């Protein structure tokens, strides 16, 4: 069961904001941008591993949303799902073109309450996860990031990737196995105790 608010309510709210933007409401544009852009950037960053490329992808996705706003047909798709699909496609295009992924360019979140050792360990874990994600085939990486890092449902992921729910489940399962294999042997180095 999904603990998130009603998808229909989300769909209606985003579509209403998009319609208001299309009618010239600047406040609606700010609200929709503030809600969507960080999520789109986060997804792109996790897939690409490069801040500058992720910023470009998120910005391009928002530009495409603004361009389509006057023609948006409410009820056909959820605005955020459409935007995630654009990000997924843009990321795929960049990865196919051989865009380099610079893991060192990823800024680590700083938690002032953590010790220097804790911060270093967190950074090592993020780097290890990003490196492991980079070993996955692109479709598996997209599915794992959308499901386990972005928290989207299989139905939303299927819509974003343009595949069936069974394909999403398969991609996610294979991606998780690939991550497990890529991270095997690093448990002690990353500070994880053997918890059975």
Protein backbone atom coordinates (compact mmCIF):
# COMPACT_ATOMS: atom_id res chain seq x y z
CA UNK A 1 0.00 0.00 0.00
CA UNK A 2 1.32 3.43 -0.94
CA UNK A 3 1.66 5.79 2.07
CA UNK A 4 1.89 8.85 -0.17
CA UNK A 5 -1.09 11.17 -0.73
CA UNK A 6 -3.68 10.26 -3.32
CA UNK A 7 -2.15 10.08 -6.79
CA UNK A 8 -5.34 11.56 -8.28
CA UNK A 9 -5.11 14.54 -5.89
CA UNK A 10 -1.42 15.02 -6.83
CA UNK A 11 -2.28 14.73 -10.53
CA UNK A 12 -5.09 17.27 -10.22
CA UNK A 13 -2.97 19.72 -8.18
CA UNK A 14 0.00 19.61 -10.57
CA UNK A 15 -2.25 19.80 -13.61
CA UNK A 16 -4.09 22.76 -12.08
CA UNK A 17 -0.79 24.55 -11.44
CA UNK A 18 0.33 23.83 -14.98
CA UNK A 19 -2.94 25.18 -16.38
CA UNK A 20 -2.60 28.30 -14.23
CA UNK A 21 0.96 28.77 -15.53
CA UNK A 22 -0.28 28.38 -19.13
CA UNK A 23 -2.79 31.16 -18.36
CA UNK A 24 0.04 33.44 -17.20
CA UNK A 25 0.10 32.80 -13.42
CA UNK A 26 3.72 33.32 -12.35
CA UNK A 27 3.04 32.10 -8.78
CA UNK A 28 1.81 28.76 -10.13
CA UNK A 29 5.03 28.41 -12.12
CA UNK A 30 7.11 29.08 -9.00
CA UNK A 31 5.15 26.52 -6.97
CA UNK A 32 5.44 23.81 -9.60
CA UNK A 33 9.13 24.59 -10.14
CA UNK A 34 9.87 24.48 -6.41
CA UNK A 35 8.15 21.11 -6.15
CA UNK A 36 9.45 19.37 -9.28
CA UNK A 37 12.95 20.71 -9.98
CA UNK A 38 14.71 19.30 -6.88
CA UNK A 39 13.21 15.85 -7.48
CA UNK A 40 14.15 15.87 -11.17
CA UNK A 41 17.67 17.05 -10.38
CA UNK A 42 18.07 14.37 -7.70
CA UNK A 43 17.01 11.64 -10.11
CA UNK A 44 19.32 12.88 -12.86
CA UNK A 45 22.24 13.18 -10.41
CA UNK A 46 21.78 9.63 -9.22
CA UNK A 47 21.61 8.29 -12.76
CA UNK A 48 24.39 10.42 -14.26
CA UNK A 49 26.63 11.00 -11.22
CA UNK A 50 27.51 14.48 -12.46
CA UNK A 51 26.12 17.69 -10.91
CA UNK A 52 26.46 19.89 -13.98
CA UNK A 53 24.85 17.32 -16.28
CA UNK A 54 22.07 16.71 -13.74
CA UNK A 55 21.36 20.45 -13.50
CA UNK A 56 21.21 20.69 -17.28
CA UNK A 57 18.84 17.72 -17.49
CA UNK A 58 16.50 19.06 -14.78
CA UNK A 59 16.47 22.49 -16.40
CA UNK A 60 15.75 21.02 -19.85
CA UNK A 61 12.92 18.91 -18.45
CA UNK A 62 11.32 21.98 -16.86
CA UNK A 63 11.71 23.95 -20.10
CA UNK A 64 9.95 21.19 -21.98
CA UNK A 65 7.17 21.20 -19.39
CA UNK A 66 6.68 24.95 -19.80
CA UNK A 67 6.58 24.58 -23.58
CA UNK A 68 3.92 21.87 -23.46
CA UNK A 69 1.83 23.63 -20.76
CA UNK A 70 -0.64 25.27 -23.17
CA UNK A 71 -1.33 21.89 -24.80
CA UNK A 72 -1.43 19.83 -21.57
CA UNK A 73 -4.43 17.51 -21.42
CA UNK A 74 -5.32 17.12 -17.76
CA UNK A 75 -6.15 13.59 -16.69
CA UNK A 76 -4.05 11.82 -19.33
CA UNK A 77 -0.84 11.72 -17.30
CA UNK A 78 0.52 12.92 -14.01
CA UNK A 79 2.71 16.00 -14.51
CA UNK A 80 5.52 14.65 -12.32
CA UNK A 81 5.46 11.28 -14.10
CA UNK A 82 5.70 13.03 -17.46
CA UNK A 83 8.63 15.11 -16.16
CA UNK A 84 10.42 12.04 -14.73
CA UNK A 85 10.02 10.35 -18.11
CA UNK A 86 11.63 13.34 -19.83
CA UNK A 87 14.52 13.18 -17.33
CA UNK A 88 14.89 9.43 -17.87
CA UNK A 89 15.03 9.94 -21.64
CA UNK A 90 17.50 12.82 -21.39
CA UNK A 91 19.73 10.77 -19.08
CA UNK A 92 19.57 7.83 -21.47
CA UNK A 93 20.57 10.10 -24.35
CA UNK A 94 23.54 11.47 -22.42
CA UNK A 95 24.68 8.01 -21.35
CA UNK A 96 24.40 6.72 -24.91
CA UNK A 97 26.51 9.62 -26.14
CA UNK A 98 29.19 8.60 -23.66
CA UNK A 99 28.85 11.56 -21.30
CA UNK A 100 31.55 11.12 -18.71
CA UNK A 101 30.47 10.53 -15.14
CA UNK A 102 32.76 12.25 -12.65
CA UNK A 103 32.12 10.71 -9.24
CA UNK A 104 34.50 13.20 -7.61
CA UNK A 105 32.27 16.08 -8.73
CA UNK A 106 29.35 14.89 -6.60
CA UNK A 107 28.94 17.14 -3.58
CA UNK A 108 28.32 15.25 -0.38
CA UNK A 109 25.59 16.39 1.98
CA UNK A 110 27.01 17.89 5.15
CA UNK A 111 25.40 17.01 8.48
CA UNK A 112 26.79 19.32 11.18
CA UNK A 113 25.89 16.77 13.86
CA UNK A 114 28.12 14.06 12.44
CA UNK A 115 31.74 13.47 13.34
CA UNK A 116 34.44 13.82 10.72
CA UNK A 117 34.80 10.03 10.68
CA UNK A 118 31.03 9.62 10.26
CA UNK A 119 31.02 12.12 7.41
CA UNK A 120 33.91 10.32 5.71
CA UNK A 121 32.11 7.00 6.10
CA UNK A 122 28.89 8.49 4.70
CA UNK A 123 30.85 9.89 1.75
CA UNK A 124 32.46 6.49 1.15
CA UNK A 125 29.03 4.86 1.17
CA UNK A 126 27.61 7.39 -1.29
CA UNK A 127 30.64 6.98 -3.55
CA UNK A 128 30.37 3.19 -3.36
CA UNK A 129 26.66 3.29 -4.19
CA UNK A 130 27.22 5.70 -7.08
CA UNK A 131 30.06 3.55 -8.43
CA UNK A 132 27.90 0.42 -8.09
CA UNK A 133 24.99 2.15 -9.84
CA UNK A 134 27.34 3.08 -12.69
CA UNK A 135 28.05 -0.64 -13.27
CA UNK A 136 24.39 -1.42 -13.96
CA UNK A 137 22.89 -1.38 -17.42
CA UNK A 138 21.09 1.94 -17.96
CA UNK A 139 17.49 0.60 -17.74
CA UNK A 140 18.24 -1.30 -14.52
CA UNK A 141 19.89 1.80 -13.07
CA UNK A 142 16.85 3.92 -13.95
CA UNK A 143 14.46 1.41 -12.36
CA UNK A 144 16.50 1.03 -9.16
CA UNK A 145 16.96 4.78 -8.72
CA UNK A 146 13.29 5.55 -9.35
CA UNK A 147 12.05 2.77 -7.06
CA UNK A 148 14.51 2.71 -4.18
CA UNK A 149 16.00 6.19 -4.13
CA UNK A 150 13.10 8.29 -5.45
CA UNK A 151 10.41 6.10 -3.85
CA UNK A 152 8.13 5.87 -6.88
CA UNK A 153 5.66 3.03 -7.34
CA UNK A 154 6.13 0.33 -9.96
CA UNK A 155 3.13 1.77 -11.83
CA UNK A 156 4.75 5.21 -12.00
CA UNK A 157 8.08 3.72 -13.06
CA UNK A 158 6.39 1.67 -15.79
CA UNK A 159 4.82 4.86 -17.13
CA UNK A 160 8.12 6.75 -16.97
CA UNK A 161 10.18 4.04 -18.66
CA UNK A 162 7.45 3.06 -21.12
CA UNK A 163 7.42 -0.60 -20.08
CA UNK A 164 5.03 -2.94 -18.27
CA UNK A 165 4.95 -3.44 -14.51
CA UNK A 166 6.46 -6.93 -14.85
CA UNK A 167 9.38 -5.43 -16.76
CA UNK A 168 9.86 -2.86 -13.97
CA UNK A 169 9.87 -5.63 -11.37
CA UNK A 170 12.39 -7.59 -13.42
CA UNK A 171 14.62 -4.55 -14.04
CA UNK A 172 14.52 -3.63 -10.35
CA UNK A 173 15.27 -7.17 -9.18
CA UNK A 174 18.17 -7.58 -11.62
CA UNK A 175 19.45 -4.13 -10.67
CA UNK A 176 19.39 -4.98 -6.97
CA UNK A 177 21.26 -8.22 -7.65
CA UNK A 178 23.80 -6.25 -9.68
CA UNK A 179 24.25 -3.74 -6.85
CA UNK A 180 24.67 -6.56 -4.34
CA UNK A 181 27.35 -8.13 -6.52
CA UNK A 182 29.10 -4.80 -7.11
CA UNK A 183 29.11 -3.99 -3.39
CA UNK A 184 29.97 -7.48 -2.13
CA UNK A 185 33.13 -7.56 -0.12
CA UNK A 186 32.88 -3.87 0.80
CA UNK A 187 30.67 -4.30 3.91
CA UNK A 188 33.49 -3.97 6.46
CA UNK A 189 35.24 -1.18 4.55
CA UNK A 190 32.00 0.82 4.47
CA UNK A 191 31.47 0.37 8.22
CA UNK A 192 28.53 -2.02 8.14
CA UNK A 193 28.45 -4.58 10.93
CA UNK A 194 27.45 -8.13 10.14
CA UNK A 195 23.80 -8.01 11.14
CA UNK A 196 22.92 -11.42 9.80
